[in-house]
């Protein structure tokens, strides 16, 4: 499962006590888990798993957190 932080925004009306701006930075990370499905064959189980809800007890894949600089640059260009 790939998570993604929300769009970069400078929140002008919400400042910290030290008067710094608050930014939302796009990022991704990877989670893994298992899904139990009932099926007659492995192939059928794979198809069912592709449409099943996400695992309820996922594990974070160590070292997978990344700042999405490409998306950040796209957002900055949109603001211009």
Foldseek 3Di string as FASTA:
>chain_A
DKDWWDDWDFDPVDADPVRDTDTTFIKIFDKDDDDDDDDDDPVVVVVVVVVDDDDPDIHTDPPGIDGPVVRNVVSVVVVD
